[in-house]
N, C-alpha and C. Protein backbone atom coordinates (compact mmCIF):
# COMPACT_ATOMS: atom_id res chain seq x y z
N MET A 1 -88.21 18.19 -66.52
CA MET A 1 -88.63 17.39 -65.36
C MET A 1 -89.03 15.99 -65.82
N ASN A 2 -88.61 14.98 -65.07
CA ASN A 2 -89.00 13.60 -65.33
C ASN A 2 -90.13 13.19 -64.39
N LEU A 3 -90.75 12.07 -64.71
CA LEU A 3 -91.81 11.52 -63.84
C LEU A 3 -91.31 10.23 -63.23
N PHE A 4 -91.28 10.17 -61.91
CA PHE A 4 -90.80 8.97 -61.21
C PHE A 4 -91.99 8.24 -60.59
N ILE A 5 -92.18 6.99 -61.01
CA ILE A 5 -93.26 6.17 -60.47
C ILE A 5 -92.74 5.41 -59.26
N THR A 6 -93.19 5.79 -58.09
CA THR A 6 -92.78 5.11 -56.88
C THR A 6 -93.99 4.47 -56.22
N GLY A 7 -93.74 3.44 -55.44
CA GLY A 7 -94.84 2.74 -54.78
C GLY A 7 -94.69 2.72 -53.28
N THR A 8 -95.78 2.40 -52.60
CA THR A 8 -95.72 2.29 -51.15
C THR A 8 -94.95 1.05 -50.74
N ASP A 9 -94.90 0.06 -51.62
CA ASP A 9 -94.12 -1.16 -51.36
C ASP A 9 -94.04 -1.97 -52.65
N THR A 10 -93.47 -3.17 -52.57
CA THR A 10 -93.39 -4.05 -53.73
C THR A 10 -94.79 -4.50 -54.14
N ASP A 11 -94.99 -4.64 -55.44
CA ASP A 11 -96.28 -5.07 -56.00
C ASP A 11 -97.41 -4.09 -55.72
N ALA A 12 -97.08 -2.82 -55.59
CA ALA A 12 -98.13 -1.81 -55.39
C ALA A 12 -98.89 -1.55 -56.68
N GLY A 13 -98.23 -1.81 -57.81
CA GLY A 13 -98.86 -1.57 -59.11
C GLY A 13 -98.09 -0.57 -59.96
N LYS A 14 -96.82 -0.37 -59.66
CA LYS A 14 -96.00 0.62 -60.38
C LYS A 14 -95.92 0.32 -61.88
N THR A 15 -95.71 -0.94 -62.23
CA THR A 15 -95.57 -1.29 -63.64
C THR A 15 -96.88 -1.12 -64.39
N THR A 16 -97.99 -1.48 -63.74
CA THR A 16 -99.31 -1.29 -64.35
C THR A 16 -99.55 0.19 -64.64
N VAL A 17 -99.25 1.04 -63.68
CA VAL A 17 -99.44 2.48 -63.86
C VAL A 17 -98.48 3.02 -64.91
N SER A 18 -97.27 2.53 -64.93
CA SER A 18 -96.30 2.95 -65.96
C SER A 18 -96.80 2.59 -67.35
N ALA A 19 -97.32 1.37 -67.49
CA ALA A 19 -97.83 0.92 -68.79
C ALA A 19 -99.03 1.76 -69.23
N TRP A 20 -99.89 2.10 -68.29
CA TRP A 20 -101.05 2.96 -68.58
C TRP A 20 -100.59 4.30 -69.13
N ILE A 21 -99.64 4.93 -68.46
CA ILE A 21 -99.16 6.23 -68.91
C ILE A 21 -98.49 6.14 -70.28
N CYS A 22 -97.64 5.13 -70.44
CA CYS A 22 -96.93 4.97 -71.71
C CYS A 22 -97.89 4.67 -72.87
N SER A 23 -99.01 4.03 -72.57
CA SER A 23 -99.99 3.72 -73.62
C SER A 23 -100.74 4.98 -74.07
N LYS A 24 -100.67 6.04 -73.27
CA LYS A 24 -101.42 7.25 -73.53
C LYS A 24 -100.59 8.37 -74.15
N ILE A 25 -99.29 8.33 -73.98
CA ILE A 25 -98.44 9.43 -74.42
C ILE A 25 -97.11 8.87 -74.91
N LYS A 26 -96.58 9.46 -75.93
CA LYS A 26 -95.29 9.01 -76.46
C LYS A 26 -94.19 9.49 -75.52
N THR A 27 -93.48 8.56 -74.93
CA THR A 27 -92.46 8.93 -73.96
C THR A 27 -91.36 7.88 -73.95
N THR A 28 -90.39 8.08 -73.07
CA THR A 28 -89.29 7.12 -72.88
C THR A 28 -89.42 6.53 -71.49
N TYR A 29 -89.20 5.22 -71.39
CA TYR A 29 -89.35 4.49 -70.12
C TYR A 29 -88.00 3.96 -69.67
N TRP A 30 -87.76 4.09 -68.36
CA TRP A 30 -86.50 3.58 -67.80
C TRP A 30 -86.75 2.93 -66.45
N LYS A 31 -86.45 1.66 -66.38
CA LYS A 31 -86.43 0.94 -65.10
C LYS A 31 -84.95 0.79 -64.77
N SER A 32 -84.42 1.71 -63.99
CA SER A 32 -82.97 1.74 -63.80
C SER A 32 -82.44 0.50 -63.09
N ILE A 33 -83.22 -0.03 -62.13
CA ILE A 33 -82.82 -1.25 -61.42
C ILE A 33 -83.95 -2.27 -61.53
N GLN A 34 -83.61 -3.45 -62.02
CA GLN A 34 -84.58 -4.55 -62.10
C GLN A 34 -84.03 -5.73 -61.31
N THR A 35 -84.81 -6.21 -60.36
CA THR A 35 -84.39 -7.39 -59.61
C THR A 35 -85.38 -8.52 -59.84
N GLY A 36 -84.91 -9.74 -59.67
CA GLY A 36 -85.78 -10.90 -59.85
C GLY A 36 -85.91 -11.31 -61.31
N SER A 37 -86.76 -12.29 -61.56
CA SER A 37 -86.91 -12.85 -62.91
C SER A 37 -87.84 -12.04 -63.80
N ASP A 38 -88.64 -11.15 -63.19
CA ASP A 38 -89.55 -10.34 -63.99
C ASP A 38 -88.78 -9.34 -64.84
N ALA A 39 -89.39 -8.94 -65.95
CA ALA A 39 -88.85 -7.87 -66.79
C ALA A 39 -89.98 -6.88 -67.00
N ASP A 40 -90.01 -5.82 -66.20
CA ASP A 40 -91.11 -4.86 -66.27
C ASP A 40 -91.19 -4.18 -67.64
N SER A 41 -90.04 -4.06 -68.30
CA SER A 41 -90.05 -3.45 -69.62
C SER A 41 -90.85 -4.27 -70.63
N ASP A 42 -90.97 -5.58 -70.41
CA ASP A 42 -91.79 -6.41 -71.30
C ASP A 42 -93.27 -6.02 -71.21
N VAL A 43 -93.72 -5.65 -70.01
CA VAL A 43 -95.11 -5.21 -69.84
C VAL A 43 -95.32 -3.90 -70.58
N ILE A 44 -94.36 -3.00 -70.48
CA ILE A 44 -94.45 -1.73 -71.19
C ILE A 44 -94.51 -1.98 -72.69
N GLN A 45 -93.65 -2.85 -73.17
CA GLN A 45 -93.60 -3.17 -74.60
C GLN A 45 -94.92 -3.75 -75.08
N LYS A 46 -95.55 -4.56 -74.25
CA LYS A 46 -96.82 -5.20 -74.62
C LYS A 46 -97.94 -4.19 -74.78
N PHE A 47 -98.06 -3.28 -73.84
CA PHE A 47 -99.19 -2.35 -73.85
C PHE A 47 -98.88 -1.02 -74.53
N ALA A 48 -97.61 -0.71 -74.70
CA ALA A 48 -97.23 0.56 -75.31
C ALA A 48 -96.01 0.35 -76.21
N PRO A 49 -96.20 -0.37 -77.32
CA PRO A 49 -95.05 -0.73 -78.17
C PRO A 49 -94.33 0.47 -78.79
N GLN A 50 -94.97 1.64 -78.79
CA GLN A 50 -94.33 2.83 -79.35
C GLN A 50 -93.33 3.45 -78.39
N THR A 51 -93.31 2.98 -77.16
CA THR A 51 -92.45 3.57 -76.13
C THR A 51 -90.98 3.21 -76.35
N LYS A 52 -90.12 4.20 -76.22
CA LYS A 52 -88.68 3.94 -76.26
C LYS A 52 -88.25 3.44 -74.88
N ILE A 53 -87.64 2.28 -74.84
CA ILE A 53 -87.25 1.68 -73.56
C ILE A 53 -85.73 1.71 -73.41
N LEU A 54 -85.28 2.34 -72.36
CA LEU A 54 -83.84 2.39 -72.08
C LEU A 54 -83.42 1.13 -71.32
N PRO A 55 -82.20 0.65 -71.52
CA PRO A 55 -81.74 -0.55 -70.81
C PRO A 55 -81.58 -0.29 -69.31
N ASN A 56 -81.78 -1.35 -68.53
CA ASN A 56 -81.56 -1.24 -67.08
C ASN A 56 -80.12 -0.85 -66.80
N ALA A 57 -79.93 0.00 -65.80
CA ALA A 57 -78.56 0.27 -65.34
C ALA A 57 -78.02 -0.96 -64.62
N TYR A 58 -78.92 -1.66 -63.91
CA TYR A 58 -78.55 -2.89 -63.21
C TYR A 58 -79.66 -3.91 -63.35
N ARG A 59 -79.27 -5.13 -63.67
CA ARG A 59 -80.22 -6.26 -63.76
C ARG A 59 -79.71 -7.32 -62.80
N LEU A 60 -80.42 -7.54 -61.71
CA LEU A 60 -79.97 -8.42 -60.64
C LEU A 60 -80.92 -9.61 -60.51
N LYS A 61 -80.37 -10.77 -60.24
CA LYS A 61 -81.14 -12.02 -60.33
C LYS A 61 -82.12 -12.24 -59.19
N ALA A 62 -81.72 -11.95 -57.98
CA ALA A 62 -82.56 -12.28 -56.82
C ALA A 62 -83.72 -11.28 -56.66
N PRO A 63 -84.91 -11.75 -56.30
CA PRO A 63 -86.06 -10.87 -56.10
C PRO A 63 -86.01 -10.21 -54.71
N LEU A 64 -84.98 -9.40 -54.51
CA LEU A 64 -84.73 -8.77 -53.22
C LEU A 64 -84.50 -7.28 -53.42
N SER A 65 -84.21 -6.58 -52.34
CA SER A 65 -83.81 -5.19 -52.48
C SER A 65 -82.55 -5.13 -53.35
N ALA A 66 -82.34 -4.00 -53.99
CA ALA A 66 -81.16 -3.86 -54.84
C ALA A 66 -79.88 -4.11 -54.04
N TRP A 67 -79.85 -3.63 -52.81
CA TRP A 67 -78.68 -3.81 -51.94
C TRP A 67 -78.40 -5.29 -51.70
N ASP A 68 -79.43 -6.05 -51.31
CA ASP A 68 -79.24 -7.47 -51.01
C ASP A 68 -78.97 -8.29 -52.28
N ALA A 69 -79.68 -7.97 -53.36
CA ALA A 69 -79.47 -8.70 -54.61
C ALA A 69 -78.06 -8.46 -55.15
N ALA A 70 -77.58 -7.23 -55.05
CA ALA A 70 -76.22 -6.92 -55.51
C ALA A 70 -75.18 -7.61 -54.64
N ASN A 71 -75.39 -7.64 -53.33
CA ASN A 71 -74.45 -8.31 -52.43
C ASN A 71 -74.34 -9.80 -52.74
N LEU A 72 -75.47 -10.43 -53.08
CA LEU A 72 -75.44 -11.86 -53.42
C LEU A 72 -74.57 -12.12 -54.65
N GLU A 73 -74.55 -11.16 -55.56
CA GLU A 73 -73.75 -11.30 -56.78
C GLU A 73 -72.38 -10.65 -56.64
N GLN A 74 -72.07 -10.23 -55.42
CA GLN A 74 -70.80 -9.57 -55.12
C GLN A 74 -70.56 -8.36 -56.02
N LYS A 75 -71.62 -7.57 -56.15
CA LYS A 75 -71.55 -6.36 -56.96
C LYS A 75 -71.77 -5.15 -56.07
N THR A 76 -71.21 -4.03 -56.47
CA THR A 76 -71.47 -2.76 -55.81
C THR A 76 -72.14 -1.84 -56.81
N ILE A 77 -73.28 -1.31 -56.44
CA ILE A 77 -74.01 -0.44 -57.36
C ILE A 77 -73.38 0.95 -57.37
N ASP A 78 -73.04 1.40 -58.56
CA ASP A 78 -72.49 2.74 -58.76
C ASP A 78 -73.67 3.69 -58.93
N ILE A 79 -73.88 4.53 -57.93
CA ILE A 79 -75.07 5.39 -57.94
C ILE A 79 -75.04 6.41 -59.08
N ARG A 80 -73.88 6.66 -59.64
CA ARG A 80 -73.79 7.60 -60.77
C ARG A 80 -74.53 7.05 -61.99
N LYS A 81 -74.64 5.72 -62.07
CA LYS A 81 -75.34 5.11 -63.20
C LYS A 81 -76.85 5.22 -63.08
N LEU A 82 -77.33 5.71 -61.95
CA LEU A 82 -78.76 5.87 -61.72
C LEU A 82 -79.21 7.30 -61.98
N LYS A 83 -78.29 8.15 -62.46
CA LYS A 83 -78.63 9.50 -62.86
C LYS A 83 -78.97 9.51 -64.34
N THR A 84 -79.59 10.57 -64.79
CA THR A 84 -79.86 10.72 -66.22
C THR A 84 -79.83 12.19 -66.60
N ASP A 85 -79.34 12.45 -67.80
CA ASP A 85 -79.35 13.81 -68.34
C ASP A 85 -80.59 14.05 -69.18
N ARG A 86 -81.39 13.01 -69.35
CA ARG A 86 -82.59 13.13 -70.17
C ARG A 86 -83.68 13.90 -69.44
N ASP A 87 -84.64 14.35 -70.21
CA ASP A 87 -85.77 15.09 -69.67
C ASP A 87 -87.06 14.51 -70.24
N LYS A 88 -88.12 14.63 -69.49
CA LYS A 88 -89.45 14.16 -69.91
C LYS A 88 -89.48 12.64 -70.09
N ILE A 89 -88.80 11.91 -69.23
CA ILE A 89 -88.87 10.45 -69.30
C ILE A 89 -89.59 9.91 -68.07
N LEU A 90 -90.13 8.72 -68.23
CA LEU A 90 -90.83 8.05 -67.13
C LEU A 90 -89.87 7.04 -66.52
N ILE A 91 -89.62 7.19 -65.24
CA ILE A 91 -88.70 6.31 -64.53
C ILE A 91 -89.50 5.50 -63.50
N GLU A 92 -89.34 4.19 -63.54
CA GLU A 92 -90.05 3.34 -62.57
C GLU A 92 -89.07 2.87 -61.50
N GLY A 93 -89.44 3.08 -60.26
CA GLY A 93 -88.60 2.64 -59.15
C GLY A 93 -88.71 1.14 -58.90
N ALA A 94 -87.92 0.68 -57.96
CA ALA A 94 -87.94 -0.74 -57.57
C ALA A 94 -88.25 -0.80 -56.08
N GLY A 95 -89.46 -1.25 -55.74
CA GLY A 95 -89.87 -1.28 -54.34
C GLY A 95 -90.25 0.12 -53.86
N GLY A 96 -90.23 0.30 -52.55
CA GLY A 96 -90.60 1.59 -51.96
C GLY A 96 -89.43 2.54 -51.84
N LEU A 97 -89.68 3.71 -51.26
CA LEU A 97 -88.68 4.77 -51.22
C LEU A 97 -87.48 4.46 -50.35
N LEU A 98 -87.67 3.66 -49.30
CA LEU A 98 -86.54 3.39 -48.40
C LEU A 98 -85.90 2.03 -48.64
N VAL A 99 -86.06 1.51 -49.84
CA VAL A 99 -85.34 0.31 -50.24
C VAL A 99 -83.86 0.68 -50.39
N PRO A 100 -82.96 -0.02 -49.69
CA PRO A 100 -81.54 0.34 -49.79
C PRO A 100 -80.93 -0.11 -51.12
N ILE A 101 -80.05 0.76 -51.64
CA ILE A 101 -79.40 0.49 -52.93
C ILE A 101 -77.89 0.39 -52.77
N ALA A 102 -77.33 1.35 -52.06
CA ALA A 102 -75.89 1.37 -51.80
C ALA A 102 -75.69 1.95 -50.41
N GLU A 103 -74.45 2.09 -50.01
CA GLU A 103 -74.15 2.61 -48.67
C GLU A 103 -74.78 3.99 -48.49
N ASN A 104 -75.69 4.11 -47.51
CA ASN A 104 -76.36 5.38 -47.22
C ASN A 104 -77.07 5.97 -48.45
N PHE A 105 -77.62 5.10 -49.28
CA PHE A 105 -78.29 5.55 -50.51
C PHE A 105 -79.51 4.69 -50.75
N PHE A 106 -80.66 5.35 -50.88
CA PHE A 106 -81.94 4.64 -50.99
C PHE A 106 -82.67 5.05 -52.27
N MET A 107 -83.79 4.38 -52.55
CA MET A 107 -84.57 4.72 -53.74
C MET A 107 -85.01 6.18 -53.70
N LEU A 108 -85.26 6.71 -52.52
CA LEU A 108 -85.60 8.12 -52.37
C LEU A 108 -84.53 9.02 -52.96
N ASP A 109 -83.27 8.62 -52.79
CA ASP A 109 -82.16 9.41 -53.34
C ASP A 109 -82.14 9.36 -54.85
N VAL A 110 -82.60 8.26 -55.42
CA VAL A 110 -82.68 8.16 -56.88
C VAL A 110 -83.71 9.15 -57.42
N VAL A 111 -84.86 9.22 -56.74
CA VAL A 111 -85.89 10.19 -57.16
C VAL A 111 -85.29 11.59 -57.16
N GLU A 112 -84.58 11.91 -56.10
CA GLU A 112 -84.02 13.25 -55.95
C GLU A 112 -82.98 13.55 -57.03
N GLN A 113 -82.10 12.60 -57.31
CA GLN A 113 -81.01 12.89 -58.23
C GLN A 113 -81.41 12.81 -59.72
N THR A 114 -82.63 12.32 -60.00
CA THR A 114 -83.11 12.34 -61.37
C THR A 114 -83.98 13.56 -61.66
N HIS A 115 -84.06 14.47 -60.68
CA HIS A 115 -84.81 15.72 -60.83
C HIS A 115 -86.23 15.44 -61.33
N ALA A 116 -86.90 14.53 -60.62
CA ALA A 116 -88.21 14.05 -61.05
C ALA A 116 -89.33 14.55 -60.16
N THR A 117 -90.51 14.60 -60.76
CA THR A 117 -91.75 14.72 -60.01
C THR A 117 -92.23 13.31 -59.71
N ALA A 118 -92.71 13.07 -58.50
CA ALA A 118 -93.13 11.73 -58.10
C ALA A 118 -94.62 11.50 -58.33
N LEU A 119 -94.95 10.30 -58.76
CA LEU A 119 -96.33 9.81 -58.79
C LEU A 119 -96.35 8.59 -57.88
N VAL A 120 -97.16 8.64 -56.84
CA VAL A 120 -97.17 7.58 -55.82
C VAL A 120 -98.27 6.56 -56.13
N VAL A 121 -97.88 5.29 -56.15
CA VAL A 121 -98.82 4.20 -56.43
C VAL A 121 -98.99 3.36 -55.17
N ALA A 122 -100.25 3.05 -54.86
CA ALA A 122 -100.55 2.23 -53.67
C ALA A 122 -101.59 1.17 -54.03
N ARG A 123 -101.44 0.00 -53.45
CA ARG A 123 -102.47 -1.03 -53.61
C ARG A 123 -103.47 -0.91 -52.47
N SER A 124 -104.74 -1.01 -52.82
CA SER A 124 -105.79 -0.87 -51.82
C SER A 124 -105.83 -2.11 -50.94
N LYS A 125 -105.37 -1.95 -49.70
CA LYS A 125 -105.35 -3.05 -48.74
C LYS A 125 -105.20 -2.46 -47.35
N LEU A 126 -105.35 -3.30 -46.36
CA LEU A 126 -105.22 -2.85 -44.98
C LEU A 126 -103.82 -2.25 -44.75
N GLY A 127 -103.78 -1.08 -44.17
CA GLY A 127 -102.51 -0.41 -43.92
C GLY A 127 -102.13 0.60 -45.00
N MET A 128 -102.98 0.72 -46.02
CA MET A 128 -102.66 1.60 -47.14
C MET A 128 -102.49 3.06 -46.71
N ILE A 129 -103.33 3.54 -45.82
CA ILE A 129 -103.24 4.94 -45.41
C ILE A 129 -101.88 5.22 -44.78
N ASN A 130 -101.47 4.37 -43.88
CA ASN A 130 -100.18 4.54 -43.22
C ASN A 130 -99.03 4.50 -44.23
N HIS A 131 -99.05 3.53 -45.13
CA HIS A 131 -97.97 3.38 -46.12
C HIS A 131 -97.93 4.58 -47.06
N LEU A 132 -99.10 5.05 -47.45
CA LEU A 132 -99.16 6.20 -48.35
C LEU A 132 -98.63 7.46 -47.67
N LEU A 133 -99.07 7.71 -46.45
CA LEU A 133 -98.65 8.93 -45.77
C LEU A 133 -97.15 8.91 -45.46
N LEU A 134 -96.62 7.75 -45.09
CA LEU A 134 -95.18 7.65 -44.87
C LEU A 134 -94.41 7.99 -46.14
N THR A 135 -94.87 7.44 -47.27
CA THR A 135 -94.22 7.69 -48.55
C THR A 135 -94.29 9.16 -48.93
N ILE A 136 -95.46 9.74 -48.80
CA ILE A 136 -95.65 11.13 -49.19
C ILE A 136 -94.87 12.07 -48.27
N PHE A 137 -94.89 11.79 -46.98
CA PHE A 137 -94.15 12.65 -46.04
C PHE A 137 -92.64 12.58 -46.31
N ALA A 138 -92.14 11.42 -46.70
CA ALA A 138 -90.70 11.29 -47.03
C ALA A 138 -90.36 12.14 -48.25
N LEU A 139 -91.21 12.12 -49.26
CA LEU A 139 -90.99 12.94 -50.45
C LEU A 139 -91.08 14.43 -50.10
N GLN A 140 -92.06 14.79 -49.30
CA GLN A 140 -92.24 16.19 -48.94
C GLN A 140 -91.07 16.71 -48.10
N GLN A 141 -90.52 15.86 -47.27
CA GLN A 141 -89.38 16.26 -46.44
C GLN A 141 -88.18 16.64 -47.32
N ARG A 142 -88.04 15.93 -48.45
CA ARG A 142 -86.95 16.24 -49.40
C ARG A 142 -87.34 17.33 -50.39
N LYS A 143 -88.57 17.84 -50.25
CA LYS A 143 -89.08 18.87 -51.17
C LYS A 143 -89.14 18.38 -52.62
N ILE A 144 -89.45 17.10 -52.77
CA ILE A 144 -89.65 16.52 -54.10
C ILE A 144 -91.11 16.74 -54.50
N PRO A 145 -91.35 17.33 -55.66
CA PRO A 145 -92.75 17.56 -56.06
C PRO A 145 -93.50 16.26 -56.30
N ILE A 146 -94.78 16.26 -55.96
CA ILE A 146 -95.65 15.09 -56.13
C ILE A 146 -96.84 15.52 -56.96
N CYS A 147 -97.07 14.85 -58.09
CA CYS A 147 -98.20 15.26 -58.93
C CYS A 147 -99.49 14.57 -58.53
N GLY A 148 -99.39 13.45 -57.81
CA GLY A 148 -100.62 12.79 -57.39
C GLY A 148 -100.41 11.36 -56.94
N ILE A 149 -101.53 10.70 -56.71
CA ILE A 149 -101.58 9.31 -56.23
C ILE A 149 -102.44 8.50 -57.18
N VAL A 150 -102.05 7.26 -57.44
CA VAL A 150 -102.91 6.30 -58.13
C VAL A 150 -103.09 5.10 -57.22
N VAL A 151 -104.33 4.69 -57.03
CA VAL A 151 -104.65 3.54 -56.18
C VAL A 151 -105.06 2.37 -57.07
N CYS A 152 -104.45 1.23 -56.83
CA CYS A 152 -104.80 0.01 -57.56
C CYS A 152 -105.72 -0.83 -56.68
N GLY A 153 -106.98 -0.91 -57.06
CA GLY A 153 -107.98 -1.59 -56.26
C GLY A 153 -109.01 -0.60 -55.77
N ASP A 154 -110.22 -1.05 -55.56
CA ASP A 154 -111.30 -0.16 -55.13
C ASP A 154 -111.07 0.37 -53.72
N ILE A 155 -111.46 1.62 -53.49
CA ILE A 155 -111.40 2.19 -52.14
C ILE A 155 -112.71 2.90 -51.85
N GLU A 156 -113.07 2.93 -50.59
CA GLU A 156 -114.30 3.60 -50.18
C GLU A 156 -114.10 5.11 -50.19
N LYS A 157 -115.20 5.83 -50.36
CA LYS A 157 -115.15 7.28 -50.47
C LYS A 157 -114.50 7.92 -49.24
N ASN A 158 -114.82 7.43 -48.06
CA ASN A 158 -114.26 8.04 -46.85
C ASN A 158 -112.75 7.81 -46.74
N ILE A 159 -112.28 6.66 -47.23
CA ILE A 159 -110.84 6.38 -47.22
C ILE A 159 -110.12 7.32 -48.17
N ARG A 160 -110.70 7.51 -49.34
CA ARG A 160 -110.12 8.45 -50.31
C ARG A 160 -110.03 9.85 -49.72
N GLU A 161 -111.09 10.28 -49.07
CA GLU A 161 -111.11 11.61 -48.47
C GLU A 161 -110.06 11.74 -47.37
N THR A 162 -109.90 10.69 -46.58
CA THR A 162 -108.90 10.72 -45.51
C THR A 162 -107.49 10.85 -46.08
N ILE A 163 -107.20 10.09 -47.11
CA ILE A 163 -105.87 10.14 -47.74
C ILE A 163 -105.59 11.53 -48.28
N GLU A 164 -106.54 12.08 -49.01
CA GLU A 164 -106.32 13.40 -49.61
C GLU A 164 -106.26 14.51 -48.55
N TYR A 165 -107.02 14.36 -47.48
CA TYR A 165 -107.03 15.38 -46.43
C TYR A 165 -105.68 15.46 -45.72
N PHE A 166 -105.14 14.30 -45.35
CA PHE A 166 -103.89 14.31 -44.57
C PHE A 166 -102.64 14.44 -45.42
N SER A 167 -102.70 13.98 -46.67
CA SER A 167 -101.52 14.07 -47.53
C SER A 167 -101.44 15.38 -48.29
N LYS A 168 -102.60 16.01 -48.50
CA LYS A 168 -102.71 17.22 -49.33
C LYS A 168 -102.28 16.93 -50.77
N VAL A 169 -102.44 15.66 -51.18
CA VAL A 169 -102.09 15.24 -52.54
C VAL A 169 -103.34 14.59 -53.16
N PRO A 170 -103.70 14.94 -54.39
CA PRO A 170 -104.91 14.37 -54.99
C PRO A 170 -104.74 12.93 -55.47
N ILE A 171 -105.80 12.15 -55.34
CA ILE A 171 -105.84 10.83 -55.96
C ILE A 171 -106.31 11.04 -57.39
N LEU A 172 -105.44 10.77 -58.36
CA LEU A 172 -105.72 11.06 -59.76
C LEU A 172 -106.51 9.96 -60.45
N ALA A 173 -106.35 8.73 -59.97
CA ALA A 173 -107.06 7.60 -60.59
C ALA A 173 -107.16 6.45 -59.60
N VAL A 174 -108.22 5.68 -59.75
CA VAL A 174 -108.40 4.45 -58.97
C VAL A 174 -108.64 3.33 -59.97
N PHE A 175 -107.75 2.35 -59.99
CA PHE A 175 -107.86 1.22 -60.92
C PHE A 175 -108.60 0.08 -60.24
N PRO A 176 -109.75 -0.31 -60.72
CA PRO A 176 -110.43 -1.48 -60.15
C PRO A 176 -109.67 -2.76 -60.50
N GLU A 177 -109.89 -3.81 -59.71
CA GLU A 177 -109.29 -5.10 -60.01
C GLU A 177 -109.85 -5.60 -61.34
N THR A 178 -108.98 -5.98 -62.26
CA THR A 178 -109.42 -6.46 -63.56
C THR A 178 -108.34 -7.33 -64.21
N ASN A 179 -108.77 -8.23 -65.07
CA ASN A 179 -107.84 -9.04 -65.85
C ASN A 179 -107.64 -8.45 -67.24
N ASP A 180 -108.40 -7.40 -67.56
CA ASP A 180 -108.33 -6.78 -68.89
C ASP A 180 -107.71 -5.39 -68.77
N LEU A 181 -106.39 -5.37 -68.66
CA LEU A 181 -105.70 -4.09 -68.50
C LEU A 181 -105.82 -3.22 -69.74
N ARG A 182 -105.84 -3.85 -70.89
CA ARG A 182 -105.92 -3.06 -72.12
C ARG A 182 -107.21 -2.22 -72.15
N ALA A 183 -108.31 -2.86 -71.78
CA ALA A 183 -109.59 -2.14 -71.74
C ALA A 183 -109.57 -1.06 -70.66
N LEU A 184 -108.97 -1.38 -69.52
CA LEU A 184 -108.87 -0.40 -68.43
C LEU A 184 -108.09 0.83 -68.87
N PHE A 185 -106.98 0.61 -69.55
CA PHE A 185 -106.16 1.73 -70.02
C PHE A 185 -106.93 2.58 -71.02
N GLU A 186 -107.66 1.93 -71.91
CA GLU A 186 -108.42 2.66 -72.92
C GLU A 186 -109.52 3.51 -72.30
N GLN A 187 -110.09 3.01 -71.21
CA GLN A 187 -111.23 3.69 -70.58
C GLN A 187 -110.81 4.75 -69.55
N THR A 188 -109.52 4.78 -69.21
CA THR A 188 -109.06 5.70 -68.16
C THR A 188 -108.21 6.81 -68.77
N PRO A 189 -108.73 8.02 -68.84
CA PRO A 189 -107.96 9.12 -69.43
C PRO A 189 -106.76 9.49 -68.55
N LEU A 190 -105.77 10.06 -69.19
CA LEU A 190 -104.57 10.48 -68.46
C LEU A 190 -104.81 11.86 -67.85
N PRO A 191 -104.68 11.99 -66.53
CA PRO A 191 -104.94 13.28 -65.88
C PRO A 191 -103.96 14.36 -66.34
N SER A 192 -104.44 15.59 -66.32
CA SER A 192 -103.61 16.71 -66.75
C SER A 192 -102.36 16.88 -65.89
N GLU A 193 -102.44 16.48 -64.62
CA GLU A 193 -101.29 16.60 -63.72
C GLU A 193 -100.10 15.76 -64.21
N ILE A 194 -100.40 14.62 -64.83
CA ILE A 194 -99.34 13.76 -65.37
C ILE A 194 -98.88 14.30 -66.73
N LEU A 195 -99.82 14.72 -67.53
CA LEU A 195 -99.49 15.25 -68.85
C LEU A 195 -98.55 16.45 -68.75
N LYS A 196 -98.77 17.29 -67.75
CA LYS A 196 -97.96 18.49 -67.59
C LYS A 196 -96.49 18.15 -67.35
N VAL A 197 -96.25 17.03 -66.65
CA VAL A 197 -94.87 16.65 -66.34
C VAL A 197 -94.15 16.13 -67.59
N LEU A 198 -94.85 15.33 -68.39
CA LEU A 198 -94.21 14.64 -69.51
C LEU A 198 -94.35 15.36 -70.85
N SER A 199 -95.19 16.39 -70.91
CA SER A 199 -95.40 17.09 -72.18
C SER A 199 -94.39 18.24 -72.36
């Protein structure tokens, strides 16, 4: 089983959570689709230099959905290149689950075809409950296992309880806002739910 890091939307904190996990356990990291000028694998390399990083299946210039970025470059994404025969690897998605990639093919389909357990990442902001529940319900509808939720940013106790009550999925970690990610990673142990997937 692989671990797929998906977010409620863009900039939810997927790369931060991926770097945290990779800094705690020896694993392989794969960002199958990278759009825009950022290179998420550079963040992984910075905080977890021992991690084996697989090359992107697609590297697209525009900071857009994979579908739109590929169309701008007159490319068609071959969804077969988004599969993997590997096991126990960490895969980071691009955007949320319903980001279009190819004709009738979304990021949700990538999670499914990589035989992964999902870890859902959300940024603490207005609308988070709705975005989280939509994401979790989409995964549950496909019967994709979910090991938990990580929230980037402080949340109130009652909000946490509401999310866990309606989603039936535990919040495994809450990352406070900080400029010192290295210290945050060192101080935050890796939950057993994540270890079980990658060990």
